[in-house]
Full PDB file with SEQRES, HELIX, SHEET, SSBOND, CRYST1, ORIGX, SCALE, CONECT and MASTER records, all heavy atoms in Angstrom:
SEQRES   1 A   41  PRO TYR ILE PRO LEU SER ASN PRO GLU LYS GLN MET GLU          
SEQRES   2 A   41  PRO VAL LEU ASN PHE CYS GLU ALA TRP GLY ASP PRO LEU          
SEQRES   3 A   41  ILE LEU ASP TYR ASN SER ARG LYS MET ILE LEU MET PRO          
SEQRES   4 A   41  PHE ALA                                                      
HELIX    1 AA1 PRO A    8  TRP A   22  1                                  15    
SHEET    1 AA1 3 TYR A   2  PRO A   4  0                                        
SHEET    2 AA1 3 LEU A  26  TYR A  30  1                                        
SHEET    3 AA1 3 ARG A  33  LEU A  37 -1                                        
CRYST1    1.000    1.000    1.000  90.00  90.00  90.00 P 1           1          
ORIGX1      1.000000  0.000000  0.000000        0.00000                         
ORIGX2      0.000000  1.000000  0.000000        0.00000                         
ORIGX3      0.000000  0.000000  1.000000        0.00000                         
SCALE1      1.000000  0.000000  0.000000        0.00000                         
SCALE2      0.000000  1.000000  0.000000        0.00000                         
SCALE3      0.000000  0.000000  1.000000        0.00000                         
ATOM      1  N   PRO A   1       0.771  -1.197   0.011  1.00  0.00           N  
ATOM      2  CA  PRO A   1       0.035  -0.010   0.041  1.00  0.00           C  
ATOM      3  C   PRO A   1       0.876   1.256  -0.010  1.00  0.00           C  
ATOM      4  O   PRO A   1       1.927   1.325   0.655  1.00  0.00           O  
ATOM      5  CB  PRO A   1      -0.789  -0.141   1.311  1.00  0.00           C  
ATOM      6  CG  PRO A   1      -0.777  -1.567   1.640  1.00  0.00           C  
ATOM      7  CD  PRO A   1       0.566  -2.067   1.134  1.00  0.00           C  
ATOM      8  N   TYR A   2       0.351   2.254  -0.718  1.00  0.00           N  
ATOM      9  CA  TYR A   2       1.042   3.559  -0.822  1.00  0.00           C  
ATOM     10  C   TYR A   2       0.214   4.570  -0.088  1.00  0.00           C  
ATOM     11  O   TYR A   2      -1.015   4.687  -0.373  1.00  0.00           O  
ATOM     12  CB  TYR A   2       1.134   3.917  -2.354  1.00  0.00           C  
ATOM     13  CG  TYR A   2       1.644   5.314  -2.566  1.00  0.00           C  
ATOM     14  CD1 TYR A   2       3.010   5.576  -2.617  1.00  0.00           C  
ATOM     15  CD2 TYR A   2       0.737   6.334  -2.830  1.00  0.00           C  
ATOM     16  CE1 TYR A   2       3.438   6.863  -2.852  1.00  0.00           C  
ATOM     17  CE2 TYR A   2       1.198   7.641  -3.107  1.00  0.00           C  
ATOM     18  CZ  TYR A   2       2.528   7.860  -3.081  1.00  0.00           C  
ATOM     19  OH  TYR A   2       2.987   9.135  -3.397  1.00  0.00           O  
ATOM     20  N   ILE A   3       0.766   5.258   0.861  1.00  0.00           N  
ATOM     21  CA  ILE A   3       0.086   6.172   1.706  1.00  0.00           C  
ATOM     22  C   ILE A   3       0.756   7.587   1.625  1.00  0.00           C  
ATOM     23  O   ILE A   3       1.842   7.768   2.183  1.00  0.00           O  
ATOM     24  CB  ILE A   3      -0.039   5.697   3.171  1.00  0.00           C  
ATOM     25  CG1 ILE A   3      -0.730   4.352   3.235  1.00  0.00           C  
ATOM     26  CG2 ILE A   3      -0.735   6.709   4.024  1.00  0.00           C  
ATOM     27  CD1 ILE A   3      -0.743   3.693   4.617  1.00  0.00           C  
ATOM     28  N   PRO A   4       0.094   8.524   1.010  1.00  0.00           N  
ATOM     29  CA  PRO A   4       0.626   9.859   1.000  1.00  0.00           C  
ATOM     30  C   PRO A   4       0.248  10.573   2.362  1.00  0.00           C  
ATOM     31  O   PRO A   4      -0.871  10.445   2.861  1.00  0.00           O  
ATOM     32  CB  PRO A   4      -0.030  10.563  -0.164  1.00  0.00           C  
ATOM     33  CG  PRO A   4      -1.313   9.763  -0.382  1.00  0.00           C  
ATOM     34  CD  PRO A   4      -1.008   8.394   0.132  1.00  0.00           C  
ATOM     35  N   LEU A   5       1.189  11.191   2.929  1.00  0.00           N  
ATOM     36  CA  LEU A   5       1.009  11.883   4.205  1.00  0.00           C  
ATOM     37  C   LEU A   5       1.018  13.365   3.983  1.00  0.00           C  
ATOM     38  O   LEU A   5       1.906  13.908   3.338  1.00  0.00           O  
ATOM     39  CB  LEU A   5       2.124  11.523   5.210  1.00  0.00           C  
ATOM     40  CG  LEU A   5       2.229  10.077   5.637  1.00  0.00           C  
ATOM     41  CD1 LEU A   5       3.487   9.881   6.526  1.00  0.00           C  
ATOM     42  CD2 LEU A   5       0.991   9.566   6.330  1.00  0.00           C  
ATOM     43  N   SER A   6       0.036  14.070   4.562  1.00  0.00           N  
ATOM     44  CA  SER A   6       0.028  15.527   4.484  1.00  0.00           C  
ATOM     45  C   SER A   6       0.246  16.171   5.877  1.00  0.00           C  
ATOM     46  O   SER A   6       0.688  17.249   5.998  1.00  0.00           O  
ATOM     47  CB  SER A   6      -1.285  16.031   3.875  1.00  0.00           C  
ATOM     48  OG  SER A   6      -2.382  15.505   4.656  1.00  0.00           O  
ATOM     49  N   ASN A   7      -0.109  15.335   6.873  1.00  0.00           N  
ATOM     50  CA  ASN A   7       0.061  15.875   8.275  1.00  0.00           C  
ATOM     51  C   ASN A   7       0.534  14.649   9.155  1.00  0.00           C  
ATOM     52  O   ASN A   7      -0.318  14.092   9.872  1.00  0.00           O  
ATOM     53  CB  ASN A   7      -1.254  16.471   8.797  1.00  0.00           C  
ATOM     54  CG  ASN A   7      -1.173  17.114  10.113  1.00  0.00           C  
ATOM     55  OD1 ASN A   7      -0.142  16.941  10.856  1.00  0.00           O  
ATOM     56  ND2 ASN A   7      -2.133  17.895  10.520  1.00  0.00           N  
ATOM     57  N   PRO A   8       1.803  14.341   9.118  1.00  0.00           N  
ATOM     58  CA  PRO A   8       2.274  13.104   9.835  1.00  0.00           C  
ATOM     59  C   PRO A   8       1.952  13.163  11.302  1.00  0.00           C  
ATOM     60  O   PRO A   8       1.700  12.080  11.898  1.00  0.00           O  
ATOM     61  CB  PRO A   8       3.792  13.159   9.588  1.00  0.00           C  
ATOM     62  CG  PRO A   8       3.989  14.042   8.457  1.00  0.00           C  
ATOM     63  CD  PRO A   8       2.832  14.997   8.395  1.00  0.00           C  
ATOM     64  N   GLU A   9       1.955  14.300  11.972  1.00  0.00           N  
ATOM     65  CA  GLU A   9       1.662  14.347  13.385  1.00  0.00           C  
ATOM     66  C   GLU A   9       0.347  13.734  13.679  1.00  0.00           C  
ATOM     67  O   GLU A   9       0.129  13.032  14.718  1.00  0.00           O  
ATOM     68  CB  GLU A   9       1.735  15.770  13.945  1.00  0.00           C  
ATOM     69  CG  GLU A   9       3.131  16.404  13.882  1.00  0.00           C  
ATOM     70  CD  GLU A   9       3.458  16.959  12.513  1.00  0.00           C  
ATOM     71  OE1 GLU A   9       2.527  17.110  11.629  1.00  0.00           O  
ATOM     72  OE2 GLU A   9       4.669  17.266  12.274  1.00  0.00           O  
ATOM     73  N   LYS A  10      -0.681  13.956  12.868  1.00  0.00           N  
ATOM     74  CA  LYS A  10      -2.020  13.444  13.058  1.00  0.00           C  
ATOM     75  C   LYS A  10      -2.212  12.069  12.475  1.00  0.00           C  
ATOM     76  O   LYS A  10      -3.132  11.325  12.885  1.00  0.00           O  
ATOM     77  CB  LYS A  10      -3.045  14.447  12.542  1.00  0.00           C  
ATOM     78  CG  LYS A  10      -3.096  15.695  13.379  1.00  0.00           C  
ATOM     79  CD  LYS A  10      -4.186  16.617  12.858  1.00  0.00           C  
ATOM     80  CE  LYS A  10      -4.237  17.908  13.690  1.00  0.00           C  
ATOM     81  NZ  LYS A  10      -5.268  18.743  13.230  1.00  0.00           N  
ATOM     82  N   GLN A  11      -1.463  11.741  11.406  1.00  0.00           N  
ATOM     83  CA  GLN A  11      -1.700  10.545  10.669  1.00  0.00           C  
ATOM     84  C   GLN A  11      -0.902   9.330  11.084  1.00  0.00           C  
ATOM     85  O   GLN A  11      -1.248   8.211  10.750  1.00  0.00           O  
ATOM     86  CB  GLN A  11      -1.415  10.826   9.136  1.00  0.00           C  
ATOM     87  CG  GLN A  11      -2.356  11.830   8.539  1.00  0.00           C  
ATOM     88  CD  GLN A  11      -1.924  12.210   7.152  1.00  0.00           C  
ATOM     89  OE1 GLN A  11      -0.834  12.710   6.965  1.00  0.00           O  
ATOM     90  NE2 GLN A  11      -2.744  11.914   6.175  1.00  0.00           N  
ATOM     91  N   MET A  12       0.214   9.543  11.812  1.00  0.00           N  
ATOM     92  CA  MET A  12       1.098   8.454  12.075  1.00  0.00           C  
ATOM     93  C   MET A  12       0.503   7.313  12.900  1.00  0.00           C  
ATOM     94  O   MET A  12       0.723   6.155  12.680  1.00  0.00           O  
ATOM     95  CB  MET A  12       2.462   8.915  12.632  1.00  0.00           C  
ATOM     96  CG  MET A  12       3.384   9.448  11.590  1.00  0.00           C  
ATOM     97  SD  MET A  12       3.628   8.404  10.123  1.00  0.00           S  
ATOM     98  CE  MET A  12       4.436   7.006  10.809  1.00  0.00           C  
ATOM     99  N   GLU A  13      -0.272   7.707  13.898  1.00  0.00           N  
ATOM    100  CA  GLU A  13      -0.812   6.631  14.805  1.00  0.00           C  
ATOM    101  C   GLU A  13      -1.716   5.685  13.967  1.00  0.00           C  
ATOM    102  O   GLU A  13      -1.533   4.500  14.054  1.00  0.00           O  
ATOM    103  CB  GLU A  13      -1.545   7.219  15.986  1.00  0.00           C  
ATOM    104  CG  GLU A  13      -2.026   6.137  16.930  1.00  0.00           C  
ATOM    105  CD  GLU A  13      -2.640   6.653  18.201  1.00  0.00           C  
ATOM    106  OE1 GLU A  13      -2.588   7.881  18.426  1.00  0.00           O  
ATOM    107  OE2 GLU A  13      -3.173   5.876  18.961  1.00  0.00           O  
ATOM    108  N   PRO A  14      -2.665   6.235  13.188  1.00  0.00           N  
ATOM    109  CA  PRO A  14      -3.475   5.299  12.396  1.00  0.00           C  
ATOM    110  C   PRO A  14      -2.616   4.505  11.360  1.00  0.00           C  
ATOM    111  O   PRO A  14      -2.945   3.366  11.097  1.00  0.00           O  
ATOM    112  CB  PRO A  14      -4.527   6.208  11.712  1.00  0.00           C  
ATOM    113  CG  PRO A  14      -4.393   7.522  12.291  1.00  0.00           C  
ATOM    114  CD  PRO A  14      -3.161   7.611  13.094  1.00  0.00           C  
ATOM    115  N   VAL A  15      -1.610   5.205  10.788  1.00  0.00           N  
ATOM    116  CA  VAL A  15      -0.775   4.529   9.828  1.00  0.00           C  
ATOM    117  C   VAL A  15       0.024   3.379  10.488  1.00  0.00           C  
ATOM    118  O   VAL A  15       0.111   2.295   9.915  1.00  0.00           O  
ATOM    119  CB  VAL A  15       0.188   5.484   9.125  1.00  0.00           C  
ATOM    120  CG1 VAL A  15       1.293   4.783   8.373  1.00  0.00           C  
ATOM    121  CG2 VAL A  15      -0.576   6.436   8.228  1.00  0.00           C  
ATOM    122  N   LEU A  16       0.563   3.632  11.698  1.00  0.00           N  
ATOM    123  CA  LEU A  16       1.222   2.522  12.400  1.00  0.00           C  
ATOM    124  C   LEU A  16       0.303   1.405  12.777  1.00  0.00           C  
ATOM    125  O   LEU A  16       0.693   0.228  12.629  1.00  0.00           O  
ATOM    126  CB  LEU A  16       1.896   3.139  13.690  1.00  0.00           C  
ATOM    127  CG  LEU A  16       3.047   4.095  13.495  1.00  0.00           C  
ATOM    128  CD1 LEU A  16       3.417   4.768  14.830  1.00  0.00           C  
ATOM    129  CD2 LEU A  16       4.229   3.366  12.851  1.00  0.00           C  
ATOM    130  N   ASN A  17      -0.912   1.761  13.162  1.00  0.00           N  
ATOM    131  CA  ASN A  17      -1.843   0.671  13.459  1.00  0.00           C  
ATOM    132  C   ASN A  17      -2.141  -0.154  12.254  1.00  0.00           C  
ATOM    133  O   ASN A  17      -2.288  -1.417  12.292  1.00  0.00           O  
ATOM    134  CB  ASN A  17      -3.149   1.274  14.054  1.00  0.00           C  
ATOM    135  CG  ASN A  17      -2.980   1.854  15.404  1.00  0.00           C  
ATOM    136  OD1 ASN A  17      -2.007   1.528  16.122  1.00  0.00           O  
ATOM    137  ND2 ASN A  17      -3.849   2.761  15.783  1.00  0.00           N  
ATOM    138  N   PHE A  18      -2.388   0.516  11.119  1.00  0.00           N  
ATOM    139  CA  PHE A  18      -2.627  -0.169   9.853  1.00  0.00           C  
ATOM    140  C   PHE A  18      -1.445  -1.035   9.418  1.00  0.00           C  
ATOM    141  O   PHE A  18      -1.624  -2.205   8.994  1.00  0.00           O  
ATOM    142  CB  PHE A  18      -2.975   0.768   8.688  1.00  0.00           C  
ATOM    143  CG  PHE A  18      -3.196   0.175   7.395  1.00  0.00           C  
ATOM    144  CD1 PHE A  18      -4.329  -0.607   7.132  1.00  0.00           C  
ATOM    145  CD2 PHE A  18      -2.212   0.247   6.410  1.00  0.00           C  
ATOM    146  CE1 PHE A  18      -4.534  -1.187   5.934  1.00  0.00           C  
ATOM    147  CE2 PHE A  18      -2.398  -0.393   5.169  1.00  0.00           C  
ATOM    148  CZ  PHE A  18      -3.549  -1.103   4.927  1.00  0.00           C  
ATOM    149  N   CYS A  19      -0.260  -0.536   9.594  1.00  0.00           N  
ATOM    150  CA  CYS A  19       0.936  -1.275   9.181  1.00  0.00           C  
ATOM    151  C   CYS A  19       1.025  -2.537  10.054  1.00  0.00           C  
ATOM    152  O   CYS A  19       1.313  -3.597   9.475  1.00  0.00           O  
ATOM    153  CB  CYS A  19       2.193  -0.397   9.441  1.00  0.00           C  
ATOM    154  SG  CYS A  19       3.745  -1.171   8.938  1.00  0.00           S  
ATOM    155  N   GLU A  20       0.833  -2.465  11.329  1.00  0.00           N  
ATOM    156  CA  GLU A  20       0.864  -3.655  12.154  1.00  0.00           C  
ATOM    157  C   GLU A  20      -0.192  -4.673  11.798  1.00  0.00           C  
ATOM    158  O   GLU A  20       0.045  -5.856  11.721  1.00  0.00           O  
ATOM    159  CB  GLU A  20       0.713  -3.239  13.641  1.00  0.00           C  
ATOM    160  CG  GLU A  20       1.141  -4.256  14.583  1.00  0.00           C  
ATOM    161  CD  GLU A  20       2.648  -4.666  14.528  1.00  0.00           C  
ATOM    162  OE1 GLU A  20       3.445  -3.732  14.212  1.00  0.00           O  
ATOM    163  OE2 GLU A  20       2.945  -5.809  14.723  1.00  0.00           O  
ATOM    164  N   ALA A  21      -1.396  -4.155  11.495  1.00  0.00           N  
ATOM    165  CA  ALA A  21      -2.502  -5.064  11.126  1.00  0.00           C  
ATOM    166  C   ALA A  21      -2.242  -5.644   9.717  1.00  0.00           C  
ATOM    167  O   ALA A  21      -2.518  -6.858   9.518  1.00  0.00           O  
ATOM    168  CB  ALA A  21      -3.842  -4.308  11.122  1.00  0.00           C  
ATOM    169  N   TRP A  22      -1.703  -4.894   8.808  1.00  0.00           N  
ATOM    170  CA  TRP A  22      -1.424  -5.389   7.473  1.00  0.00           C  
ATOM    171  C   TRP A  22      -0.379  -6.432   7.514  1.00  0.00           C  
ATOM    172  O   TRP A  22      -0.391  -7.418   6.806  1.00  0.00           O  
ATOM    173  CB  TRP A  22      -1.007  -4.151   6.637  1.00  0.00           C  
ATOM    174  CG  TRP A  22      -0.640  -4.507   5.223  1.00  0.00           C  
ATOM    175  CD1 TRP A  22       0.567  -4.568   4.679  1.00  0.00           C  
ATOM    176  CD2 TRP A  22      -1.552  -4.710   4.138  1.00  0.00           C  
ATOM    177  NE1 TRP A  22       0.491  -4.882   3.299  1.00  0.00           N  
ATOM    178  CE2 TRP A  22      -0.840  -4.984   3.013  1.00  0.00           C  
ATOM    179  CE3 TRP A  22      -2.945  -4.765   4.032  1.00  0.00           C  
ATOM    180  CZ2 TRP A  22      -1.390  -5.195   1.744  1.00  0.00           C  
ATOM    181  CZ3 TRP A  22      -3.516  -5.023   2.822  1.00  0.00           C  
ATOM    182  CH2 TRP A  22      -2.759  -5.246   1.658  1.00  0.00           C  
ATOM    183  N   GLY A  23       0.669  -6.259   8.306  1.00  0.00           N  
ATOM    184  CA  GLY A  23       1.707  -7.277   8.503  1.00  0.00           C  
ATOM    185  C   GLY A  23       2.832  -7.234   7.449  1.00  0.00           C  
ATOM    186  O   GLY A  23       3.753  -8.025   7.527  1.00  0.00           O  
ATOM    187  N   ASP A  24       2.757  -6.284   6.529  1.00  0.00           N  
ATOM    188  CA  ASP A  24       3.771  -6.111   5.481  1.00  0.00           C  
ATOM    189  C   ASP A  24       4.155  -4.667   5.424  1.00  0.00           C  
ATOM    190  O   ASP A  24       3.419  -3.806   5.955  1.00  0.00           O  
ATOM    191  CB  ASP A  24       3.243  -6.583   4.132  1.00  0.00           C  
ATOM    192  CG  ASP A  24       3.424  -8.065   3.873  1.00  0.00           C  
ATOM    193  OD1 ASP A  24       4.157  -8.737   4.689  1.00  0.00           O  
ATOM    194  OD2 ASP A  24       2.887  -8.555   2.878  1.00  0.00           O  
ATOM    195  N   PRO A  25       5.222  -4.344   4.762  1.00  0.00           N  
ATOM    196  CA  PRO A  25       5.664  -2.953   4.646  1.00  0.00           C  
ATOM    197  C   PRO A  25       4.621  -2.073   3.945  1.00  0.00           C  
ATOM    198  O   PRO A  25       3.829  -2.601   3.094  1.00  0.00           O  
ATOM    199  CB  PRO A  25       6.914  -3.002   3.816  1.00  0.00           C  
ATOM    200  CG  PRO A  25       7.488  -4.381   4.053  1.00  0.00           C  
ATOM    201  CD  PRO A  25       6.252  -5.260   4.175  1.00  0.00           C  
ATOM    202  N   LEU A  26       4.662  -0.788   4.278  1.00  0.00           N  
ATOM    203  CA  LEU A  26       3.884   0.237   3.571  1.00  0.00           C  
ATOM    204  C   LEU A  26       4.839   1.256   2.986  1.00  0.00           C  
ATOM    205  O   LEU A  26       5.940   1.411   3.464  1.00  0.00           O  
ATOM    206  CB  LEU A  26       2.969   0.997   4.596  1.00  0.00           C  
ATOM    207  CG  LEU A  26       2.064   0.255   5.563  1.00  0.00           C  
ATOM    208  CD1 LEU A  26       1.374   1.203   6.468  1.00  0.00           C  
ATOM    209  CD2 LEU A  26       1.058  -0.540   4.741  1.00  0.00           C  
ATOM    210  N   ILE A  27       4.387   1.902   1.919  1.00  0.00           N  
ATOM    211  CA  ILE A  27       5.177   2.946   1.350  1.00  0.00           C  
ATOM    212  C   ILE A  27       4.484   4.265   1.714  1.00  0.00           C  
ATOM    213  O   ILE A  27       3.324   4.534   1.488  1.00  0.00           O  
ATOM    214  CB  ILE A  27       5.197   2.830  -0.190  1.00  0.00           C  
ATOM    215  CG1 ILE A  27       5.743   1.504  -0.586  1.00  0.00           C  
ATOM    216  CG2 ILE A  27       6.036   3.969  -0.794  1.00  0.00           C  
ATOM    217  CD1 ILE A  27       5.497   1.043  -1.981  1.00  0.00           C  
ATOM    218  N   LEU A  28       5.268   5.129   2.414  1.00  0.00           N  
ATOM    219  CA  LEU A  28       4.822   6.424   2.837  1.00  0.00           C  
ATOM    220  C   LEU A  28       5.459   7.482   1.905  1.00  0.00           C  
ATOM    221  O   LEU A  28       6.583   7.367   1.460  1.00  0.00           O  
ATOM    222  CB  LEU A  28       5.223   6.736   4.310  1.00  0.00           C  
ATOM    223  CG  LEU A  28       4.778   5.657   5.295  1.00  0.00           C  
ATOM    224  CD1 LEU A  28       5.245   6.093   6.682  1.00  0.00           C  
ATOM    225  CD2 LEU A  28       3.301   5.441   5.280  1.00  0.00           C  
ATOM    226  N   ASP A  29       4.657   8.538   1.620  1.00  0.00           N  
ATOM    227  CA  ASP A  29       5.177   9.619   0.841  1.00  0.00           C  
ATOM    228  C   ASP A  29       4.869  10.940   1.637  1.00  0.00           C  
ATOM    229  O   ASP A  29       3.729  11.228   1.889  1.00  0.00           O  
ATOM    230  CB  ASP A  29       4.477   9.646  -0.528  1.00  0.00           C  
ATOM    231  CG  ASP A  29       5.110  10.668  -1.489  1.00  0.00           C  
ATOM    232  OD1 ASP A  29       5.749  11.564  -1.025  1.00  0.00           O  
ATOM    233  OD2 ASP A  29       4.821  10.466  -2.664  1.00  0.00           O  
ATOM    234  N   TYR A  30       5.910  11.642   1.940  1.00  0.00           N  
ATOM    235  CA  TYR A  30       5.746  12.939   2.616  1.00  0.00           C  
ATOM    236  C   TYR A  30       6.696  13.954   2.002  1.00  0.00           C  
ATOM    237  O   TYR A  30       7.937  13.695   1.919  1.00  0.00           O  
ATOM    238  CB  TYR A  30       6.011  12.760   4.138  1.00  0.00           C  
ATOM    239  CG  TYR A  30       5.867  14.097   4.865  1.00  0.00           C  
ATOM    240  CD1 TYR A  30       4.626  14.749   4.918  1.00  0.00           C  
ATOM    241  CD2 TYR A  30       6.987  14.662   5.537  1.00  0.00           C  
ATOM    242  CE1 TYR A  30       4.510  15.964   5.587  1.00  0.00           C  
ATOM    243  CE2 TYR A  30       6.850  15.843   6.225  1.00  0.00           C  
ATOM    244  CZ  TYR A  30       5.625  16.448   6.237  1.00  0.00           C  
ATOM    245  OH  TYR A  30       5.487  17.674   6.925  1.00  0.00           O  
ATOM    246  N   ASN A  31       6.164  15.029   1.494  1.00  0.00           N  
ATOM    247  CA  ASN A  31       6.997  16.092   0.867  1.00  0.00           C  
ATOM    248  C   ASN A  31       7.817  15.495  -0.274  1.00  0.00           C  
ATOM    249  O   ASN A  31       9.019  15.797  -0.460  1.00  0.00           O  
ATOM    250  CB  ASN A  31       7.919  16.798   1.873  1.00  0.00           C  
ATOM    251  CG  ASN A  31       7.172  17.721   2.697  1.00  0.00           C  
ATOM    252  OD1 ASN A  31       6.131  18.181   2.425  1.00  0.00           O  
ATOM    253  ND2 ASN A  31       7.749  18.023   3.888  1.00  0.00           N  
ATOM    254  N   SER A  32       7.212  14.629  -1.060  1.00  0.00           N  
ATOM    255  CA  SER A  32       7.814  14.022  -2.248  1.00  0.00           C  
ATOM    256  C   SER A  32       8.987  13.077  -1.867  1.00  0.00           C  
ATOM    257  O   SER A  32       9.838  12.760  -2.667  1.00  0.00           O  
ATOM    258  CB  SER A  32       8.303  15.045  -3.274  1.00  0.00           C  
ATOM    259  OG  SER A  32       7.220  15.784  -3.735  1.00  0.00           O  
ATOM    260  N   ARG A  33       8.989  12.685  -0.617  1.00  0.00           N  
ATOM    261  CA  ARG A  33      10.046  11.738  -0.142  1.00  0.00           C  
ATOM    262  C   ARG A  33       9.385  10.411   0.216  1.00  0.00           C  
ATOM    263  O   ARG A  33       8.495  10.363   1.090  1.00  0.00           O  
ATOM    264  CB  ARG A  33      10.726  12.341   1.063  1.00  0.00           C  
ATOM    265  CG  ARG A  33      11.922  11.561   1.518  1.00  0.00           C  
ATOM    266  CD  ARG A  33      12.628  12.303   2.601  1.00  0.00           C  
ATOM    267  NE  ARG A  33      13.818  11.566   2.952  1.00  0.00           N  
ATOM    268  CZ  ARG A  33      14.568  11.815   3.919  1.00  0.00           C  
ATOM    269  NH1 ARG A  33      14.289  12.849   4.694  1.00  0.00           N  
ATOM    270  NH2 ARG A  33      15.633  11.108   4.209  1.00  0.00           N  
ATOM    271  N   LYS A  34       9.778   9.396  -0.440  1.00  0.00           N  
ATOM    272  CA  LYS A  34       9.176   8.070  -0.204  1.00  0.00           C  
ATOM    273  C   LYS A  34       9.982   7.330   0.902  1.00  0.00           C  
ATOM    274  O   LYS A  34      11.206   7.354   0.890  1.00  0.00           O  
ATOM    275  CB  LYS A  34       9.135   7.270  -1.460  1.00  0.00           C  
ATOM    276  CG  LYS A  34       8.145   7.878  -2.465  1.00  0.00           C  
ATOM    277  CD  LYS A  34       7.953   7.027  -3.651  1.00  0.00           C  
ATOM    278  CE  LYS A  34       6.965   7.617  -4.563  1.00  0.00           C  
ATOM    279  NZ  LYS A  34       6.950   9.049  -4.769  1.00  0.00           N  
ATOM    280  N   MET A  35       9.262   6.677   1.785  1.00  0.00           N  
ATOM    281  CA  MET A  35       9.827   5.895   2.876  1.00  0.00           C  
ATOM    282  C   MET A  35       9.105   4.578   3.007  1.00  0.00           C  
ATOM    283  O   MET A  35       7.928   4.505   2.671  1.00  0.00           O  
ATOM    284  CB  MET A  35       9.684   6.687   4.209  1.00  0.00           C  
ATOM    285  CG  MET A  35      10.388   8.051   4.198  1.00  0.00           C  
ATOM    286  SD  MET A  35       9.818   9.156   5.531  1.00  0.00           S  
ATOM    287  CE  MET A  35       8.488   9.971   4.643  1.00  0.00           C  
ATOM    288  N   ILE A  36       9.781   3.616   3.517  1.00  0.00           N  
ATOM    289  CA  ILE A  36       9.127   2.283   3.751  1.00  0.00           C  
ATOM    290  C   ILE A  36       8.977   2.133   5.280  1.00  0.00           C  
ATOM    291  O   ILE A  36       9.973   2.300   6.016  1.00  0.00           O  
ATOM    292  CB  ILE A  36       9.988   1.121   3.159  1.00  0.00           C  
ATOM    293  CG1 ILE A  36      10.020   1.307   1.642  1.00  0.00           C  
ATOM    294  CG2 ILE A  36       9.413  -0.192   3.550  1.00  0.00           C  
ATOM    295  CD1 ILE A  36      10.857   0.300   0.931  1.00  0.00           C  
ATOM    296  N   LEU A  37       7.836   1.760   5.685  1.00  0.00           N  
ATOM    297  CA  LEU A  37       7.505   1.459   7.070  1.00  0.00           C  
ATOM    298  C   LEU A  37       7.178   0.032   7.171  1.00  0.00           C  
ATOM    299  O   LEU A  37       6.281  -0.490   6.419  1.00  0.00           O  
ATOM    300  CB  LEU A  37       6.332   2.353   7.553  1.00  0.00           C  
ATOM    301  CG  LEU A  37       5.792   2.125   8.990  1.00  0.00           C  
ATOM    302  CD1 LEU A  37       6.907   2.508   9.973  1.00  0.00           C  
ATOM    303  CD2 LEU A  37       4.539   2.885   9.226  1.00  0.00           C  
ATOM    304  N   MET A  38       7.894  -0.732   7.997  1.00  0.00           N  
ATOM    305  CA  MET A  38       7.588  -2.163   8.090  1.00  0.00           C  
ATOM    306  C   MET A  38       7.358  -2.519   9.526  1.00  0.00           C  
ATOM    307  O   MET A  38       7.933  -1.997  10.427  1.00  0.00           O  
ATOM    308  CB  MET A  38       8.772  -2.996   7.502  1.00  0.00           C  
ATOM    309  CG  MET A  38      10.030  -2.951   8.242  1.00  0.00           C  
ATOM    310  SD  MET A  38      11.291  -4.016   7.470  1.00  0.00           S  
ATOM    311  CE  MET A  38      11.625  -3.124   5.977  1.00  0.00           C  
ATOM    312  N   PRO A  39       6.453  -3.474   9.747  1.00  0.00           N  
ATOM    313  CA  PRO A  39       6.190  -4.011  11.086  1.00  0.00           C  
ATOM    314  C   PRO A  39       7.427  -4.694  11.626  1.00  0.00           C  
ATOM    315  O   PRO A  39       8.212  -5.281  10.879  1.00  0.00           O  
ATOM    316  CB  PRO A  39       5.061  -5.024  10.891  1.00  0.00           C  
ATOM    317  CG  PRO A  39       4.506  -4.812   9.510  1.00  0.00           C  
ATOM    318  CD  PRO A  39       5.605  -4.146   8.760  1.00  0.00           C  
ATOM    319  N   PHE A  40       7.584  -4.605  12.961  1.00  0.00           N  
ATOM    320  CA  PHE A  40       8.726  -5.248  13.603  1.00  0.00           C  
ATOM    321  C   PHE A  40       8.791  -6.718  13.310  1.00  0.00           C  
ATOM    322  O   PHE A  40       9.917  -7.262  13.033  1.00  0.00           O  
ATOM    323  CB  PHE A  40       8.622  -4.941  15.113  1.00  0.00           C  
ATOM    324  CG  PHE A  40       9.882  -5.278  15.881  1.00  0.00           C  
ATOM    325  CD1 PHE A  40      11.114  -4.809  15.546  1.00  0.00           C  
ATOM    326  CD2 PHE A  40       9.869  -6.260  16.835  1.00  0.00           C  
ATOM    327  CE1 PHE A  40      12.270  -5.089  16.216  1.00  0.00           C  
ATOM    328  CE2 PHE A  40      10.970  -6.635  17.549  1.00  0.00           C  
ATOM    329  CZ  PHE A  40      12.170  -6.055  17.212  1.00  0.00           C  
ATOM    330  N   ALA A  41       7.695  -7.386  13.369  1.00  0.00           N  
ATOM    331  CA  ALA A  41       7.744  -8.869  13.075  1.00  0.00           C  
ATOM    332  C   ALA A  41       8.178  -9.144  11.652  1.00  0.00           C  
ATOM    333  O   ALA A  41       8.895 -10.119  11.426  1.00  0.00           O  
ATOM    334  CB  ALA A  41       6.310  -9.464  13.290  1.00  0.00           C  
TER     335      ALA A  41                                                      
MASTER        0    0    0    1    3    0    0    6  334    1    0    4          
END                                                                             
């Protein structure tokens, strides 16, 4: 999943919860910078 972020301070908690539930990495985009967020497991 690709998730564009416009307000990370408000969006990160739901994004982290989704990432953990999804169980696989997510692609985040903030200020045209792409990052990969992966669950610890």
